[in-house]
N, C-alpha and C. Protein backbone atom coordinates (compact mmCIF):
# COMPACT_ATOMS: atom_id res chain seq x y z
N UNK A 1 14.78 -20.17 8.59
CA UNK A 1 15.27 -19.31 7.57
C UNK A 1 16.07 -18.19 8.25
N UNK A 2 17.37 -18.23 8.11
CA UNK A 2 18.21 -17.21 8.75
C UNK A 2 17.88 -15.80 8.25
N UNK A 3 17.89 -14.86 9.16
CA UNK A 3 17.68 -13.44 8.85
C UNK A 3 16.30 -13.11 8.28
N UNK A 4 15.34 -14.00 8.44
CA UNK A 4 13.99 -13.74 7.94
C UNK A 4 13.30 -12.70 8.82
N UNK A 5 12.42 -11.92 8.22
CA UNK A 5 11.65 -10.92 8.95
C UNK A 5 10.16 -11.15 8.70
N UNK A 6 9.37 -11.00 9.74
CA UNK A 6 7.92 -11.03 9.62
C UNK A 6 7.44 -9.60 9.71
N UNK A 7 6.74 -9.14 8.70
CA UNK A 7 6.26 -7.76 8.66
C UNK A 7 4.75 -7.75 8.51
N UNK A 8 4.04 -7.88 9.62
CA UNK A 8 2.58 -7.90 9.55
C UNK A 8 2.02 -6.55 9.10
N UNK A 9 0.90 -6.59 8.45
CA UNK A 9 0.21 -5.39 7.99
C UNK A 9 -1.22 -5.46 8.51
N UNK A 10 -1.58 -4.50 9.33
CA UNK A 10 -2.93 -4.46 9.90
C UNK A 10 -3.91 -3.91 8.87
N UNK A 11 -5.01 -4.64 8.67
CA UNK A 11 -6.00 -4.20 7.69
C UNK A 11 -7.37 -4.77 8.04
N UNK A 12 -8.37 -3.98 7.81
CA UNK A 12 -9.75 -4.45 7.99
C UNK A 12 -10.12 -5.49 6.93
N UNK A 13 -9.35 -5.54 5.86
CA UNK A 13 -9.63 -6.47 4.75
C UNK A 13 -9.09 -7.88 5.00
N UNK A 14 -8.30 -8.06 6.04
CA UNK A 14 -7.72 -9.38 6.30
C UNK A 14 -6.81 -9.79 5.15
N UNK A 15 -6.82 -11.08 4.80
CA UNK A 15 -5.93 -11.55 3.73
C UNK A 15 -6.31 -10.99 2.36
N UNK A 16 -7.52 -10.47 2.24
CA UNK A 16 -7.97 -9.91 0.95
C UNK A 16 -7.33 -8.56 0.65
N UNK A 17 -6.58 -8.02 1.60
CA UNK A 17 -5.91 -6.73 1.38
C UNK A 17 -4.96 -6.81 0.18
N UNK A 18 -4.49 -8.00 -0.13
CA UNK A 18 -3.54 -8.16 -1.23
C UNK A 18 -4.19 -8.10 -2.61
N UNK A 19 -5.51 -7.96 -2.67
CA UNK A 19 -6.19 -7.81 -3.95
C UNK A 19 -5.71 -6.51 -4.59
N UNK A 20 -5.17 -6.55 -5.79
CA UNK A 20 -4.63 -5.34 -6.41
C UNK A 20 -5.65 -4.19 -6.43
N UNK A 21 -5.19 -3.02 -5.98
CA UNK A 21 -6.03 -1.84 -6.00
C UNK A 21 -6.93 -1.66 -4.80
N UNK A 22 -7.00 -2.63 -3.92
CA UNK A 22 -7.91 -2.54 -2.78
C UNK A 22 -7.42 -1.55 -1.73
N UNK A 23 -6.13 -1.56 -1.44
CA UNK A 23 -5.58 -0.71 -0.38
C UNK A 23 -4.25 -0.14 -0.86
N UNK A 24 -4.25 1.13 -1.24
CA UNK A 24 -3.03 1.76 -1.78
C UNK A 24 -1.89 1.75 -0.78
N UNK A 25 -2.22 1.92 0.50
CA UNK A 25 -1.17 1.92 1.53
C UNK A 25 -0.50 0.55 1.60
N UNK A 26 -1.28 -0.52 1.45
CA UNK A 26 -0.69 -1.86 1.45
C UNK A 26 0.23 -2.06 0.26
N UNK A 27 -0.20 -1.59 -0.90
CA UNK A 27 0.63 -1.74 -2.10
C UNK A 27 1.95 -0.99 -1.93
N UNK A 28 1.91 0.18 -1.32
CA UNK A 28 3.14 0.93 -1.06
C UNK A 28 4.03 0.17 -0.08
N UNK A 29 3.41 -0.40 0.97
CA UNK A 29 4.14 -1.20 1.96
C UNK A 29 4.79 -2.41 1.29
N UNK A 30 4.04 -3.10 0.47
CA UNK A 30 4.55 -4.28 -0.23
C UNK A 30 5.69 -3.91 -1.17
N UNK A 31 5.54 -2.83 -1.91
CA UNK A 31 6.60 -2.39 -2.81
C UNK A 31 7.86 -2.02 -2.04
N UNK A 32 7.69 -1.36 -0.91
CA UNK A 32 8.84 -0.99 -0.07
C UNK A 32 9.57 -2.24 0.43
N UNK A 33 8.82 -3.23 0.88
CA UNK A 33 9.43 -4.47 1.37
C UNK A 33 10.14 -5.22 0.24
N UNK A 34 9.52 -5.29 -0.92
CA UNK A 34 10.14 -5.99 -2.05
C UNK A 34 11.40 -5.29 -2.51
N UNK A 35 11.37 -3.96 -2.53
CA UNK A 35 12.56 -3.19 -2.92
C UNK A 35 13.70 -3.45 -1.96
N UNK A 36 13.39 -3.43 -0.67
CA UNK A 36 14.43 -3.70 0.34
C UNK A 36 15.01 -5.12 0.17
N UNK A 37 14.15 -6.07 -0.07
CA UNK A 37 14.60 -7.45 -0.26
C UNK A 37 15.53 -7.57 -1.47
N UNK A 38 15.16 -6.94 -2.57
CA UNK A 38 15.96 -7.05 -3.79
C UNK A 38 17.28 -6.30 -3.70
N UNK A 39 17.35 -5.30 -2.83
CA UNK A 39 18.60 -4.56 -2.65
C UNK A 39 19.58 -5.30 -1.75
N UNK A 40 19.09 -6.28 -0.99
CA UNK A 40 19.95 -6.99 -0.03
C UNK A 40 20.92 -7.92 -0.74
């Protein structure tokens, strides 16, 4: 996939960090990444 980026997120929750409301910092990170993607 050309121009793809891997943006790891360190969390004690592992893959469960994506559970809505579990980690506010992750949700902010995810929103920031999605916004950047949609602006491209």
